[in-house]
Protein backbone atom coordinates (compact mmCIF):
# COMPACT_ATOMS: atom_id res chain seq x y z
CA MET A 1 67.60 -6.80 73.48
CA HIS A 2 66.94 -10.49 72.67
CA TRP A 3 65.88 -11.79 76.23
CA SER A 4 67.38 -14.98 75.96
CA ILE A 5 71.09 -13.48 75.73
CA LEU A 6 70.38 -13.11 80.04
CA SER A 7 69.46 -16.69 79.99
CA LEU A 8 72.73 -17.63 77.81
CA SER A 9 74.74 -15.18 80.05
CA VAL A 10 73.80 -16.63 83.67
CA SER A 11 73.35 -20.70 82.50
CA LYS A 12 76.23 -22.64 82.71
CA ARG A 13 78.23 -23.05 86.29
CA ALA A 14 81.53 -23.10 84.45
CA THR A 15 80.79 -19.38 83.39
CA PHE A 16 81.30 -18.63 87.04
CA GLU A 17 84.02 -20.76 88.54
CA PRO A 18 87.11 -19.56 86.39
CA ARG A 19 86.01 -15.51 86.99
CA LEU A 20 85.57 -15.63 90.26
CA GLU A 21 89.37 -16.62 91.02
CA LEU A 22 90.24 -13.33 89.14
CA VAL A 23 88.06 -11.33 91.85
CA PRO A 24 89.75 -10.14 95.37
CA HIS A 25 88.98 -12.44 98.37
CA GLU A 26 87.88 -8.79 100.20
CA THR A 27 85.31 -8.47 97.21
CA LEU A 28 84.17 -12.12 97.38
CA ARG A 29 83.35 -11.20 101.18
CA TRP A 30 81.58 -7.92 100.92
CA LEU A 31 79.52 -9.71 97.78
CA ALA A 32 78.34 -12.61 100.44
CA SER A 33 77.58 -10.51 103.24
CA ILE A 34 73.98 -9.49 103.98
CA ASP A 35 74.98 -6.73 106.33
CA PRO A 36 76.05 -3.46 104.29
CA GLY A 37 78.42 -2.83 107.45
CA LYS A 38 80.88 -5.56 107.18
CA PRO A 39 82.15 -8.47 105.20
CA ALA A 40 80.88 -11.43 105.58
CA GLY A 41 83.68 -14.19 107.07
CA ARG A 42 83.15 -16.79 104.18
CA PRO A 43 83.58 -15.26 100.60
CA PHE A 44 81.07 -15.61 97.93
CA GLY A 45 81.63 -18.95 95.81
CA VAL A 46 79.78 -21.13 93.29
CA LYS A 47 77.34 -23.44 95.54
CA GLU A 48 77.65 -27.08 95.28
CA HIS A 49 74.23 -28.27 94.89
CA ALA A 50 72.49 -27.46 91.47
CA SER A 51 69.29 -25.69 93.59
CA SER A 52 71.31 -23.26 95.17
CA MET A 53 72.99 -22.14 91.75
CA ASP A 54 69.35 -22.00 89.86
CA ARG A 55 68.25 -19.92 92.27
CA TYR A 56 71.53 -17.56 92.05
CA LYS A 57 70.75 -17.67 88.12
CA GLY A 58 67.39 -16.41 88.84
CA TYR A 59 68.22 -13.77 90.93
CA TRP A 60 70.66 -12.25 88.03
CA LYS A 61 68.60 -12.79 85.37
CA ARG A 62 65.80 -10.62 87.33
CA TYR A 63 68.56 -8.36 88.65
CA LEU A 64 69.17 -8.01 84.85
CA CYS A 65 66.46 -7.63 83.83
CA TYR A 66 65.08 -4.96 86.20
CA TYR A 67 68.09 -2.21 85.29
CA LEU A 68 67.34 -2.57 81.88
CA GLN A 69 64.09 -1.62 82.02
CA VAL A 70 65.19 1.12 84.38
CA TRP A 71 67.85 2.13 82.06
CA ARG A 72 65.60 2.01 79.03
CA LEU A 73 63.30 4.43 81.46
CA GLY A 74 66.27 7.02 81.43
CA GLN A 75 67.15 8.46 84.16
CA GLU A 76 64.25 10.78 85.10
CA GLU A 77 61.38 9.13 84.22
CA ALA A 78 63.31 5.52 86.58
CA ALA A 79 63.09 8.19 88.84
CA ALA A 80 59.68 9.28 88.67
CA GLN A 81 58.55 5.90 87.94
CA HIS A 82 60.67 3.67 90.46
CA GLY A 83 61.81 5.95 93.11
CA VAL A 84 65.36 4.65 91.79
CA ARG A 85 67.49 7.87 91.80
CA PHE A 86 71.33 6.71 89.96
CA SER A 87 73.67 9.43 90.51
CA ASP A 88 75.55 10.27 87.36
CA ALA A 89 78.77 7.86 88.01
CA GLN A 90 75.72 5.03 88.58
CA TRP A 91 74.05 5.53 85.58
CA ASP A 92 77.47 5.55 83.56
CA ARG A 93 78.08 2.00 84.80
CA LEU A 94 74.80 0.76 84.14
CA GLU A 95 75.22 2.09 80.36
CA ALA A 96 78.13 -0.03 80.06
CA VAL A 97 76.58 -3.49 81.90
CA THR A 98 73.98 -2.50 78.99
CA GLN A 99 76.51 -2.18 76.02
CA LEU A 100 78.28 -5.21 77.63
CA LEU A 101 75.69 -6.84 77.50
CA GLU A 102 74.90 -6.08 74.15
CA ASP A 103 78.16 -7.24 72.74
CA VAL A 104 78.09 -10.40 74.03
CA ALA A 105 74.58 -10.88 72.56
CA ASN A 106 76.14 -9.76 69.19
CA ASP A 107 79.23 -11.94 70.30
CA ILE A 108 77.23 -15.06 70.53
CA GLY A 109 75.26 -14.32 67.46
CA VAL A 110 72.07 -13.30 69.14
CA ALA A 111 70.14 -10.18 67.53
CA ALA A 112 70.46 -7.67 70.19
CA ASP A 113 68.01 -4.55 70.65
CA ILE A 114 68.45 -3.23 73.86
CA THR A 115 65.47 -1.05 73.31
CA ALA A 116 63.02 -3.96 72.78
CA PRO A 117 60.31 -4.54 75.62
CA PRO A 118 60.84 -8.01 77.28
CA PRO A 119 58.90 -10.47 76.70
CA GLY A 120 55.32 -10.93 78.45
């Protein structure tokens, strides 16, 4: 994949705001929670400070890069190399996310090759 798509996909604050309105309130509470057993009191949302948004963008980029690298290894090799075990349903979803990223890259005219290694 052309890795600049990750920068483009999470680079604009405006991209988050309209989409957050479509996410159910309870889901946003779970996304904001640090406790896997209960939702947070305040829902996840766009932060007002640019530095917070920049930090979140960095987290998303690392998250997407890591999972694309794991996906590229394949389900068995990912388990062997990283100790990451995905159920078949989780792996199917990971493949769907990978396809969505490739589709976005194609839509905006960025050449996408998911199998290519990330830069440096």
